[in-house]
N, C-alpha and C. Protein backbone atom coordinates (compact mmCIF):
# COMPACT_ATOMS: atom_id res chain seq x y z
N MET A 1 61.61 -45.48 27.77
CA MET A 1 60.52 -46.51 26.99
C MET A 1 59.40 -45.93 26.18
N GLY A 2 59.60 -46.40 25.06
CA GLY A 2 58.59 -45.57 23.95
C GLY A 2 57.11 -46.58 24.63
N ALA A 3 56.21 -45.86 23.67
CA ALA A 3 55.23 -45.87 23.67
C ALA A 3 54.49 -46.99 23.86
N ARG A 4 53.73 -47.99 23.36
CA ARG A 4 53.66 -49.08 22.88
C ARG A 4 52.62 -49.32 21.86
N ALA A 5 53.00 -49.80 20.89
CA ALA A 5 51.91 -49.60 19.66
C ALA A 5 50.55 -50.50 20.07
N THR A 6 49.80 -49.89 19.35
CA THR A 6 48.05 -50.38 20.08
C THR A 6 48.04 -51.08 18.66
N GLY A 7 46.41 -51.70 18.67
CA GLY A 7 45.72 -51.77 17.60
C GLY A 7 45.07 -51.21 17.18
N ALA A 8 43.45 -51.75 16.12
CA ALA A 8 43.17 -50.62 15.47
C ALA A 8 42.71 -49.46 16.26
N GLN A 9 42.43 -48.72 15.70
CA GLN A 9 41.70 -47.20 16.73
C GLN A 9 40.33 -47.65 16.62
N GLU A 10 40.17 -47.47 18.00
CA GLU A 10 39.03 -47.30 18.56
C GLU A 10 37.91 -46.92 17.78
N ALA A 11 36.47 -47.06 17.01
CA ALA A 11 35.51 -46.20 16.48
C ALA A 11 35.05 -45.61 17.53
N LEU A 12 34.34 -44.61 17.00
CA LEU A 12 33.90 -43.08 18.06
C LEU A 12 32.57 -42.79 17.39
N PHE A 13 31.91 -42.77 18.15
CA PHE A 13 30.23 -43.01 17.93
C PHE A 13 29.88 -41.76 18.13
N THR A 14 28.65 -41.12 17.72
CA THR A 14 27.57 -40.06 18.40
C THR A 14 26.04 -40.13 18.19
N VAL A 15 25.12 -39.71 18.92
CA VAL A 15 24.38 -40.06 18.68
C VAL A 15 22.78 -38.90 18.83
N SER A 16 22.23 -38.87 17.86
CA SER A 16 20.86 -37.93 17.21
C SER A 16 19.73 -38.58 17.05
N GLY A 17 18.46 -37.76 16.93
CA GLY A 17 17.47 -38.42 16.67
C GLY A 17 16.37 -37.47 16.69
N GLY A 18 14.91 -37.45 16.34
CA GLY A 18 14.14 -37.22 16.49
C GLY A 18 12.75 -37.79 15.37
N GLY A 19 11.46 -37.19 16.40
CA GLY A 19 10.23 -38.15 15.58
C GLY A 19 9.24 -37.95 16.57
N VAL A 20 8.73 -38.74 16.54
CA VAL A 20 6.99 -38.98 17.24
C VAL A 20 6.78 -40.80 17.91
N ASN A 21 6.51 -40.85 19.27
CA ASN A 21 6.13 -41.58 19.61
C ASN A 21 4.35 -41.74 19.56
N LEU A 22 3.88 -42.64 19.72
CA LEU A 22 2.48 -42.76 19.58
C LEU A 22 2.14 -43.18 21.08
N LYS A 23 1.39 -42.57 21.89
CA LYS A 23 1.08 -43.38 23.32
C LYS A 23 -0.60 -43.55 23.10
N GLN A 24 -1.13 -44.60 23.48
CA GLN A 24 -2.42 -44.73 23.59
C GLN A 24 -3.00 -44.63 25.17
N MET A 25 -3.95 -43.80 25.90
CA MET A 25 -4.13 -43.52 26.31
C MET A 25 -5.73 -43.93 26.42
N ALA A 26 -6.34 -44.47 27.57
CA ALA A 26 -8.00 -44.73 27.66
C ALA A 26 -8.90 -43.79 27.54
N SER A 27 -10.00 -43.63 27.01
CA SER A 27 -11.05 -42.95 26.90
C SER A 27 -11.74 -43.10 27.90
N PRO A 28 -12.40 -41.80 28.69
CA PRO A 28 -12.88 -41.79 29.78
C PRO A 28 -14.03 -43.02 30.36
N ASP A 29 -14.67 -44.16 29.52
CA ASP A 29 -15.33 -45.39 29.42
C ASP A 29 -14.68 -46.20 29.64
N GLY A 30 -13.42 -45.83 28.83
CA GLY A 30 -12.65 -47.39 28.59
C GLY A 30 -12.79 -48.06 27.22
N SER A 31 -13.79 -47.65 26.49
CA SER A 31 -13.92 -48.79 25.46
C SER A 31 -13.37 -48.14 24.30
N THR A 32 -12.42 -47.59 24.31
CA THR A 32 -11.77 -47.13 22.84
C THR A 32 -10.12 -46.57 23.67
N GLU A 33 -9.05 -46.45 22.73
CA GLU A 33 -7.70 -45.58 23.10
C GLU A 33 -8.03 -44.03 22.62
N VAL A 34 -7.25 -43.10 23.56
CA VAL A 34 -7.01 -41.82 22.57
C VAL A 34 -5.62 -41.69 22.72
N PRO A 35 -5.29 -41.32 21.19
CA PRO A 35 -3.65 -40.79 20.78
C PRO A 35 -3.05 -40.41 21.13
N LEU A 36 -2.24 -40.13 22.04
CA LEU A 36 -1.48 -38.91 22.37
C LEU A 36 0.15 -38.89 21.36
N ARG A 37 0.50 -38.00 20.98
CA ARG A 37 1.70 -37.67 19.86
C ARG A 37 2.59 -36.91 20.68
N GLU A 38 3.25 -37.66 21.37
CA GLU A 38 4.89 -37.26 21.54
C GLU A 38 5.73 -37.33 21.00
N SER A 39 5.91 -35.94 20.63
CA SER A 39 7.21 -35.44 19.79
C SER A 39 8.72 -35.38 20.60
N PHE A 40 10.21 -35.98 19.60
CA PHE A 40 11.39 -35.96 20.37
C PHE A 40 12.04 -35.45 19.66
N ALA A 41 13.47 -34.59 20.33
CA ALA A 41 14.55 -34.39 19.40
C ALA A 41 15.41 -34.57 20.59
N PHE A 42 16.92 -34.68 19.69
CA PHE A 42 17.86 -35.37 20.67
C PHE A 42 19.61 -34.89 20.17
N ASP A 43 20.61 -35.01 20.83
CA ASP A 43 21.70 -35.05 19.77
C ASP A 43 22.44 -35.47 21.31
N ALA A 44 23.73 -35.64 21.34
CA ALA A 44 24.62 -35.03 22.29
C ALA A 44 24.88 -34.50 23.40
N HIS A 45 23.91 -33.33 22.82
CA HIS A 45 23.67 -32.33 23.79
C HIS A 45 22.44 -31.57 24.23
N TYR A 46 21.63 -32.06 23.69
CA TYR A 46 20.61 -31.14 23.72
C TYR A 46 19.67 -32.29 23.61
N ALA A 47 17.91 -32.55 24.77
CA ALA A 47 16.91 -33.36 24.19
C ALA A 47 15.90 -32.57 24.81
N GLN A 48 14.01 -32.69 24.12
CA GLN A 48 13.28 -32.06 24.32
C GLN A 48 12.20 -33.50 23.99
N CYS A 49 11.29 -33.21 24.88
CA CYS A 49 10.01 -34.03 23.89
C CYS A 49 8.66 -33.52 24.84
N ILE A 50 7.94 -32.95 23.96
CA ILE A 50 6.75 -32.25 23.99
C ILE A 50 5.20 -33.01 23.49
N ILE A 51 4.35 -32.94 24.30
CA ILE A 51 2.34 -33.39 23.91
C ILE A 51 1.98 -32.10 23.82
N GLU A 52 1.68 -31.68 22.59
CA GLU A 52 1.20 -30.22 22.34
C GLU A 52 -0.47 -30.22 22.66
N ASP A 53 -1.23 -31.50 22.13
CA ASP A 53 -2.54 -31.31 22.76
C ASP A 53 -2.90 -32.70 22.34
N ASN A 54 -4.03 -32.91 23.26
CA ASN A 54 -5.05 -34.49 23.00
C ASN A 54 -6.08 -34.15 22.30
N PRO A 55 -6.34 -34.96 21.00
CA PRO A 55 -7.51 -34.65 20.62
C PRO A 55 -8.69 -35.13 21.19
N ALA A 56 -9.14 -35.62 21.84
CA ALA A 56 -10.45 -36.18 22.84
C ALA A 56 -10.24 -36.36 24.23
N ASP A 57 -11.07 -36.44 25.13
CA ASP A 57 -11.04 -36.46 26.52
C ASP A 57 -10.13 -37.72 26.73
N PHE A 58 -9.48 -38.03 27.95
CA PHE A 58 -9.01 -39.47 28.22
C PHE A 58 -8.83 -39.34 29.45
N ALA A 59 -8.74 -40.48 29.60
CA ALA A 59 -8.63 -41.34 31.34
C ALA A 59 -7.28 -41.27 31.49
N MET A 60 -6.59 -40.58 32.85
CA MET A 60 -5.61 -41.18 33.11
C MET A 60 -5.29 -41.28 34.60
N ASP A 61 -4.61 -41.98 35.20
CA ASP A 61 -4.37 -42.64 36.64
C ASP A 61 -3.13 -41.65 37.17
N THR A 62 -3.01 -41.34 37.83
CA THR A 62 -2.37 -40.22 38.45
C THR A 62 -1.68 -40.47 39.92
N PHE A 63 -0.50 -40.08 40.05
CA PHE A 63 0.43 -40.64 41.19
C PHE A 63 -0.48 -40.31 42.60
N ALA A 64 -0.90 -39.27 42.13
CA ALA A 64 -1.39 -38.43 43.59
C ALA A 64 -2.97 -37.61 43.71
N MET A 65 -3.64 -38.27 42.49
CA MET A 65 -4.81 -37.53 42.89
C MET A 65 -5.83 -38.55 41.87
N GLY A 66 -5.64 -39.63 41.92
CA GLY A 66 -5.99 -40.74 41.59
C GLY A 66 -6.70 -40.74 40.15
N ARG A 67 -7.75 -41.25 39.42
CA ARG A 67 -8.33 -41.44 38.27
C ARG A 67 -8.85 -40.32 37.53
N VAL A 68 -8.51 -39.50 36.42
CA VAL A 68 -8.68 -38.00 36.23
C VAL A 68 -9.21 -38.04 35.00
N VAL A 69 -9.87 -37.22 34.35
CA VAL A 69 -10.46 -37.45 33.10
C VAL A 69 -9.94 -35.89 32.49
N VAL A 70 -9.44 -36.56 31.64
CA VAL A 70 -8.58 -35.04 31.35
C VAL A 70 -9.85 -34.83 29.62
N GLU A 71 -10.00 -33.25 29.83
CA GLU A 71 -10.78 -33.01 28.69
C GLU A 71 -9.95 -32.57 27.31
N ALA A 72 -10.51 -32.70 26.07
CA ALA A 72 -9.89 -32.98 24.91
C ALA A 72 -9.08 -31.28 24.51
N HIS A 73 -8.02 -31.50 24.46
CA HIS A 73 -7.52 -30.00 23.94
C HIS A 73 -7.20 -29.02 24.98
N ASN A 74 -6.81 -30.03 26.41
CA ASN A 74 -6.25 -29.35 27.77
C ASN A 74 -5.25 -30.25 28.36
N PHE A 75 -4.63 -30.99 27.48
CA PHE A 75 -3.46 -31.85 28.15
C PHE A 75 -2.06 -30.81 27.24
N PHE A 76 -0.96 -30.88 27.86
CA PHE A 76 0.38 -30.12 27.65
C PHE A 76 1.18 -30.18 28.13
N MET A 77 2.64 -30.85 27.62
CA MET A 77 3.65 -31.28 28.55
C MET A 77 4.51 -31.01 27.61
N ALA A 78 5.77 -30.37 28.48
CA ALA A 78 7.08 -30.34 27.58
C ALA A 78 8.53 -29.98 28.28
N MET A 79 9.25 -31.16 27.87
CA MET A 79 10.28 -31.05 28.46
C MET A 79 11.72 -30.48 28.06
N TYR A 80 12.53 -30.16 28.65
CA TYR A 80 13.84 -29.13 28.07
C TYR A 80 14.47 -29.57 28.45
N ALA A 81 16.12 -29.71 27.98
CA ALA A 81 17.31 -30.21 28.66
C ALA A 81 17.75 -29.07 28.76
N THR A 82 18.21 -28.56 30.33
CA THR A 82 19.04 -27.91 30.76
C THR A 82 20.47 -28.51 30.61
N GLU A 83 20.98 -29.96 30.94
CA GLU A 83 22.01 -30.08 31.21
C GLU A 83 22.36 -31.79 30.16
N MET A 84 23.15 -31.87 29.74
CA MET A 84 23.24 -33.32 29.16
C MET A 84 24.67 -33.65 28.98
N SER A 85 25.06 -35.14 29.76
CA SER A 85 25.73 -35.68 29.47
C SER A 85 25.39 -36.80 28.49
N LEU A 86 26.09 -37.58 27.32
CA LEU A 86 26.20 -38.93 27.06
C LEU A 86 27.16 -39.78 27.94
N VAL A 87 26.49 -40.30 28.33
CA VAL A 87 27.26 -41.66 29.28
C VAL A 87 28.07 -42.71 28.46
N ARG A 88 27.30 -43.44 27.67
CA ARG A 88 27.91 -44.62 26.79
C ARG A 88 27.42 -45.18 25.94
N ILE A 89 27.74 -45.62 24.93
CA ILE A 89 27.34 -46.34 23.69
C ILE A 89 27.57 -47.61 23.92
N ARG A 90 26.59 -48.35 23.47
CA ARG A 90 26.79 -49.80 23.56
C ARG A 90 26.40 -50.51 22.62
N ASP A 91 26.94 -51.79 22.42
CA ASP A 91 26.38 -52.65 21.37
C ASP A 91 24.94 -53.52 21.44
N GLY A 92 24.14 -53.24 20.93
CA GLY A 92 22.81 -53.87 21.64
C GLY A 92 22.48 -55.28 21.42
N GLY A 93 23.27 -55.71 20.27
CA GLY A 93 23.40 -57.01 19.15
C GLY A 93 21.99 -57.02 18.24
N ASN A 94 22.23 -57.94 17.68
CA ASN A 94 21.21 -58.43 16.19
C ASN A 94 21.64 -56.72 15.63
N GLY A 95 22.55 -55.98 15.74
CA GLY A 95 22.91 -55.50 14.59
C GLY A 95 22.66 -53.61 15.30
N THR A 96 21.83 -53.81 16.52
CA THR A 96 21.52 -52.43 17.18
C THR A 96 22.75 -52.05 17.94
N ARG A 97 22.48 -50.40 18.33
CA ARG A 97 23.48 -50.10 19.25
C ARG A 97 22.48 -49.11 20.14
N VAL A 98 22.83 -48.63 21.27
CA VAL A 98 22.19 -48.02 22.27
C VAL A 98 22.86 -47.18 22.74
N ALA A 99 22.15 -45.82 23.36
CA ALA A 99 23.00 -44.89 23.68
C ALA A 99 22.50 -44.17 25.19
N LEU A 100 23.03 -44.41 26.36
CA LEU A 100 22.51 -43.55 27.46
C LEU A 100 22.92 -42.33 27.27
N LEU A 101 22.22 -41.71 27.59
CA LEU A 101 22.02 -39.80 27.80
C LEU A 101 21.65 -39.32 29.36
N THR A 102 22.18 -38.55 30.31
CA THR A 102 21.61 -38.23 31.24
C THR A 102 21.93 -36.54 31.60
N GLY A 103 21.00 -36.09 32.79
CA GLY A 103 21.21 -35.02 32.89
C GLY A 103 20.15 -34.32 33.57
N ALA A 104 19.73 -32.92 33.26
CA ALA A 104 18.93 -32.14 34.39
C ALA A 104 17.74 -31.47 32.96
N LEU A 105 16.55 -30.94 33.32
CA LEU A 105 15.82 -30.40 32.76
C LEU A 105 14.65 -29.41 33.19
N SER A 106 13.94 -28.72 32.37
CA SER A 106 12.70 -28.13 33.17
C SER A 106 11.67 -28.95 32.60
N CYS A 107 10.46 -28.68 32.97
CA CYS A 107 9.38 -29.48 32.61
C CYS A 107 8.23 -28.77 33.21
N SER A 108 7.73 -28.32 31.77
CA SER A 108 6.00 -27.63 32.48
C SER A 108 4.83 -28.13 31.84
N THR A 109 3.79 -28.90 32.63
CA THR A 109 2.52 -29.61 32.71
C THR A 109 1.41 -29.06 32.53
N GLU A 110 0.22 -29.49 31.82
CA GLU A 110 -0.88 -28.78 32.18
C GLU A 110 -2.15 -29.39 31.37
N ALA A 111 -3.00 -30.01 32.81
CA ALA A 111 -4.17 -30.80 32.63
C ALA A 111 -5.12 -30.40 33.16
N GLY A 112 -5.78 -30.25 32.22
CA GLY A 112 -7.43 -29.55 32.04
C GLY A 112 -8.82 -30.40 32.75
N THR A 113 -9.10 -30.61 33.45
CA THR A 113 -10.02 -31.47 33.75
C THR A 113 -11.73 -30.53 34.03
N ALA A 114 -12.86 -31.42 33.99
CA ALA A 114 -14.05 -30.36 34.63
C ALA A 114 -14.23 -30.11 35.93
N SER A 115 -13.16 -30.06 36.93
CA SER A 115 -13.10 -29.62 38.46
C SER A 115 -12.24 -28.34 38.05
N GLY A 116 -11.20 -28.50 37.10
CA GLY A 116 -10.70 -27.17 36.69
C GLY A 116 -9.25 -27.31 36.31
N THR A 117 -8.01 -26.68 35.95
CA THR A 117 -6.56 -27.28 35.74
C THR A 117 -5.81 -27.22 36.85
N VAL A 118 -5.04 -28.17 36.27
CA VAL A 118 -3.97 -28.63 37.39
C VAL A 118 -2.21 -28.06 36.87
N GLY A 119 -1.47 -27.34 37.16
CA GLY A 119 -0.52 -27.39 36.53
C GLY A 119 -0.92 -25.69 35.51
N SER A 120 0.89 -25.90 34.36
CA SER A 120 0.56 -24.62 34.00
C SER A 120 1.63 -24.96 32.51
N ARG A 121 1.48 -24.20 31.35
CA ARG A 121 2.16 -24.38 30.09
C ARG A 121 3.27 -23.18 30.47
N THR A 122 3.27 -22.20 31.29
CA THR A 122 4.61 -21.71 31.25
C THR A 122 5.65 -21.77 32.45
N ALA A 123 4.77 -22.03 33.83
CA ALA A 123 5.67 -22.20 35.04
C ALA A 123 6.29 -23.76 34.70
N THR A 124 7.59 -23.97 35.27
CA THR A 124 8.61 -25.11 34.87
C THR A 124 9.39 -25.56 36.15
N GLU A 125 8.90 -26.91 36.15
CA GLU A 125 9.86 -27.25 37.15
C GLU A 125 10.81 -28.20 36.88
N PRO A 126 12.13 -28.07 37.99
CA PRO A 126 13.33 -29.12 37.22
C PRO A 126 13.16 -30.50 37.65
N ALA A 127 14.16 -31.20 37.18
CA ALA A 127 13.92 -32.29 37.35
C ALA A 127 15.35 -33.06 36.34
N PHE A 128 15.52 -34.56 37.23
CA PHE A 128 16.69 -35.33 36.04
C PHE A 128 16.42 -35.82 35.81
N TYR A 129 16.93 -36.84 34.56
CA TYR A 129 16.71 -37.41 33.38
C TYR A 129 17.69 -38.45 33.18
N GLU A 130 17.17 -39.53 32.24
CA GLU A 130 17.99 -40.78 31.65
C GLU A 130 17.37 -40.92 30.28
N ILE A 131 18.24 -40.97 29.20
CA ILE A 131 17.61 -41.60 28.31
C ILE A 131 17.76 -42.40 27.67
N GLU A 132 17.37 -43.41 26.86
CA GLU A 132 17.64 -44.34 26.42
C GLU A 132 17.26 -44.21 25.14
N ALA A 133 18.31 -44.57 24.02
CA ALA A 133 18.00 -43.92 22.63
C ALA A 133 18.13 -45.74 21.86
N VAL A 134 18.12 -46.15 20.93
CA VAL A 134 18.34 -47.34 20.37
C VAL A 134 18.19 -47.79 18.39
N ASP A 135 19.69 -47.42 18.34
CA ASP A 135 19.14 -47.35 16.91
C ASP A 135 19.60 -48.87 16.11
N GLY A 136 18.17 -49.16 15.59
CA GLY A 136 17.93 -50.43 15.00
C GLY A 136 18.23 -50.69 13.26
N GLY A 137 18.31 -49.35 13.02
CA GLY A 137 18.93 -49.36 11.56
C GLY A 137 18.37 -48.16 10.98
N HIS A 138 18.67 -47.81 9.57
CA HIS A 138 17.97 -47.03 9.30
C HIS A 138 16.50 -47.24 8.67
N GLY A 139 15.56 -46.66 9.01
CA GLY A 139 13.81 -47.26 8.89
C GLY A 139 13.22 -46.97 10.15
N GLY A 140 14.03 -46.02 10.70
CA GLY A 140 13.05 -45.47 12.11
C GLY A 140 12.44 -46.93 13.18
N GLY A 141 11.50 -46.56 13.42
CA GLY A 141 11.06 -47.56 14.60
C GLY A 141 10.52 -49.09 13.80
N SER A 142 10.33 -49.06 12.45
CA SER A 142 9.90 -50.82 11.95
C SER A 142 11.22 -51.35 11.67
N ALA A 143 12.58 -50.27 11.90
CA ALA A 143 13.79 -51.01 12.06
C ALA A 143 14.04 -51.29 13.43
N GLY A 144 13.41 -51.26 14.59
CA GLY A 144 13.46 -51.23 15.35
C GLY A 144 14.45 -50.16 16.68
N ASP A 145 14.29 -48.89 16.12
CA ASP A 145 14.91 -47.79 16.26
C ASP A 145 13.47 -46.96 17.69
N ARG A 146 14.28 -46.86 19.04
CA ARG A 146 13.17 -46.81 19.88
C ARG A 146 14.08 -45.46 20.64
N PHE A 147 12.60 -45.14 21.94
CA PHE A 147 13.52 -43.40 22.03
C PHE A 147 12.57 -43.77 23.64
N ALA A 148 13.24 -43.61 24.68
CA ALA A 148 12.59 -43.71 25.82
C ALA A 148 13.43 -42.30 27.00
N PHE A 149 12.27 -41.50 27.48
CA PHE A 149 12.94 -40.33 28.54
C PHE A 149 12.16 -40.92 29.82
N THR A 150 13.10 -41.47 30.72
CA THR A 150 12.66 -41.32 32.47
C THR A 150 13.10 -40.20 32.97
N VAL A 151 12.34 -39.57 33.94
CA VAL A 151 12.42 -38.49 34.54
C VAL A 151 11.93 -39.13 35.87
N PHE A 152 13.02 -38.23 36.79
CA PHE A 152 12.88 -37.92 38.36
C PHE A 152 12.48 -37.37 38.69
N PHE A 153 11.33 -37.31 39.14
CA PHE A 153 10.25 -35.66 40.06
C PHE A 153 10.38 -35.60 41.28
N ASP A 154 11.06 -35.31 41.74
CA ASP A 154 11.30 -35.01 43.24
C ASP A 154 9.84 -34.42 43.69
N PRO A 155 8.96 -34.55 45.12
CA PRO A 155 8.24 -34.06 45.36
C PRO A 155 8.25 -32.55 45.73
N GLU A 156 9.21 -32.11 46.13
CA GLU A 156 9.69 -31.01 47.01
C GLU A 156 9.55 -29.55 45.38
N GLN A 157 10.79 -30.20 44.48
CA GLN A 157 11.33 -29.48 43.38
C GLN A 157 10.18 -29.65 42.40
N ALA A 158 9.42 -30.70 42.38
CA ALA A 158 8.35 -30.86 40.81
C ALA A 158 7.41 -31.31 41.35
N PRO A 159 6.54 -30.48 42.48
CA PRO A 159 5.17 -30.96 42.87
C PRO A 159 4.02 -31.41 42.30
N VAL A 160 3.56 -30.72 41.17
CA VAL A 160 2.89 -30.54 39.93
C VAL A 160 3.18 -31.99 39.21
N ASN A 161 4.26 -32.09 38.58
CA ASN A 161 5.07 -33.45 37.82
C ASN A 161 5.08 -34.49 38.83
N HIS A 162 5.44 -34.51 39.73
CA HIS A 162 5.45 -35.86 40.93
C HIS A 162 3.85 -36.33 40.88
N ALA A 163 2.98 -35.37 41.42
CA ALA A 163 1.63 -35.82 41.61
C ALA A 163 0.65 -36.03 40.63
N ILE A 164 1.12 -36.12 39.08
CA ILE A 164 0.62 -36.13 37.79
C ILE A 164 0.98 -37.59 37.78
N PHE A 165 2.37 -37.90 37.43
CA PHE A 165 3.27 -38.54 36.93
C PHE A 165 3.76 -39.57 37.78
N GLY A 166 4.18 -39.41 39.03
CA GLY A 166 5.18 -39.87 40.27
C GLY A 166 6.41 -39.67 40.16
N PRO A 167 7.21 -41.04 40.87
CA PRO A 167 8.33 -39.99 41.25
C PRO A 167 9.44 -41.03 39.61
N ASN A 168 9.25 -41.51 39.14
CA ASN A 168 10.42 -41.89 37.81
C ASN A 168 9.31 -42.15 36.70
N PRO A 169 8.50 -41.71 36.25
CA PRO A 169 7.92 -42.06 34.83
C PRO A 169 8.96 -42.22 33.40
N THR A 170 8.60 -43.11 32.81
CA THR A 170 8.64 -43.16 31.45
C THR A 170 8.07 -42.93 30.43
N PHE A 171 8.90 -41.78 29.34
CA PHE A 171 7.57 -41.09 28.80
C PHE A 171 8.27 -41.97 26.89
N THR A 172 7.50 -42.44 26.85
CA THR A 172 7.84 -43.49 25.53
C THR A 172 6.92 -44.01 24.39
N GLY A 173 6.72 -44.78 23.49
CA GLY A 173 5.81 -45.36 22.67
C GLY A 173 6.10 -45.75 21.69
N GLU A 174 5.11 -46.13 20.94
CA GLU A 174 5.57 -46.95 19.31
C GLU A 174 5.67 -45.74 18.51
N MET A 175 7.48 -45.85 17.99
CA MET A 175 8.02 -44.72 17.54
C MET A 175 7.27 -45.18 15.92
N VAL A 176 6.38 -44.05 15.94
CA VAL A 176 5.58 -43.86 14.12
C VAL A 176 6.18 -42.90 13.44
N ALA A 177 7.19 -41.74 13.71
CA ALA A 177 8.31 -40.83 12.36
C ALA A 177 9.19 -40.98 13.30
N GLY A 178 10.26 -40.73 12.51
CA GLY A 178 11.75 -40.21 12.65
C GLY A 178 12.59 -41.57 12.90
N GLU A 179 13.96 -40.71 12.70
CA GLU A 179 15.14 -41.78 12.93
C GLU A 179 16.03 -41.70 14.20
N VAL A 180 16.44 -42.80 14.84
CA VAL A 180 17.14 -42.59 15.29
C VAL A 180 18.92 -43.08 14.69
N THR A 181 19.93 -42.55 15.04
CA THR A 181 21.24 -42.38 14.45
C THR A 181 22.38 -43.07 15.37
N ILE A 182 22.84 -43.38 15.09
CA ILE A 182 24.29 -43.79 16.79
C ILE A 182 25.21 -44.28 15.61
N ALA A 183 26.15 -43.34 15.28
CA ALA A 183 26.77 -43.84 14.03
C ALA A 183 28.37 -42.61 14.43
N ALA A 184 29.12 -42.95 13.70
CA ALA A 184 30.62 -42.13 13.55
C ALA A 184 29.83 -40.45 13.22
N PRO A 185 30.58 -39.38 13.85
CA PRO A 185 29.95 -38.29 13.58
C PRO A 185 30.58 -37.64 11.96
N ALA A 186 29.64 -37.01 11.81
CA ALA A 186 29.80 -36.13 9.90
C ALA A 186 30.69 -35.04 11.03
N VAL A 187 32.15 -35.03 10.23
CA VAL A 187 32.57 -33.66 10.34
C VAL A 187 33.07 -32.89 9.57
N LEU A 188 33.35 -31.88 9.61
CA LEU A 188 34.29 -30.83 8.78
C LEU A 188 34.77 -29.72 9.26
N PRO A 189 35.55 -28.91 8.41
CA PRO A 189 36.34 -27.70 9.26
C PRO A 189 35.38 -26.70 9.35
N LEU A 190 35.81 -25.59 10.03
CA LEU A 190 35.11 -24.74 10.34
C LEU A 190 35.33 -23.46 9.33
N LEU A 191 35.13 -23.02 8.40
CA LEU A 191 35.31 -22.20 6.99
C LEU A 191 35.45 -20.59 7.55
N PRO A 192 35.92 -20.07 7.15
CA PRO A 192 36.28 -18.79 7.75
C PRO A 192 34.80 -17.65 7.60
N ALA A 193 34.64 -17.07 8.69
CA ALA A 193 33.22 -16.14 7.52
C ALA A 193 33.75 -15.29 6.60
N GLU A 194 32.40 -15.43 6.19
CA GLU A 194 32.48 -14.26 4.56
C GLU A 194 32.47 -12.78 5.02
N ARG A 195 33.01 -12.50 4.41
CA ARG A 195 33.00 -10.61 3.90
C ARG A 195 32.04 -10.34 3.53
N PRO A 196 31.44 -8.67 4.18
CA PRO A 196 30.93 -8.20 3.34
C PRO A 196 31.05 -8.62 1.99
N GLY A 197 30.03 -9.01 1.10
CA GLY A 197 29.99 -8.59 -1.07
C GLY A 197 30.75 -9.60 -1.04
N GLU A 198 30.99 -10.95 -0.32
CA GLU A 198 31.84 -12.31 -0.50
C GLU A 198 31.03 -13.51 -0.66
N GLY A 199 29.41 -13.15 -0.63
CA GLY A 199 28.86 -14.65 -0.49
C GLY A 199 28.43 -14.91 -1.72
N THR A 200 27.51 -15.86 -1.89
CA THR A 200 27.36 -16.51 -3.50
C THR A 200 26.33 -15.28 -3.93
N PRO A 201 26.66 -15.14 -5.24
CA PRO A 201 26.38 -14.22 -6.04
C PRO A 201 24.89 -14.48 -6.52
N ALA A 202 23.80 -13.71 -6.80
CA ALA A 202 21.99 -14.29 -6.65
C ALA A 202 22.24 -14.54 -8.19
N ALA A 203 21.21 -15.49 -8.12
CA ALA A 203 21.19 -15.99 -9.52
C ALA A 203 20.56 -15.28 -10.74
């Protein structure tokens, strides 16, 4: 019995993106907000999310240490994927597409307060994660693009991050720069390696 004919070929998509999520934290006295710029980059194979610095003191409600004041230029967080799976891509309605990715990562967090420093910029803790990325169309955040990084910190495997953020924090914010793209992959054939002397001649 021959193979049954099918209809139109199912469209295939992949996901990638990068940018900055802006997260507003409370100032120590609660009178104003302190912006934290959370940079991210990802594709179907890798992801990272980093806060390099805090421009001013800010207050933070931790999971196990109560409310703390992190001093200016004393907060750092970096998450780097060590495993990645693209789980699904779905139609989000109204012209949007939504991708779900999961995997494992290593996370370094350091927070400096008046009484001392918690964590480290170099020591890492493992965790599992889930990423939801939304492509609202060309134009980044203003077009509806979003990026949310939910991390699952185990108190035994990741005691520092669990104490600071809790068991399943979501890192996101207002997307102020960048782009999320969920579209058909752009593909090219692999060209053979150039032999010595066969490169493009200098102008």
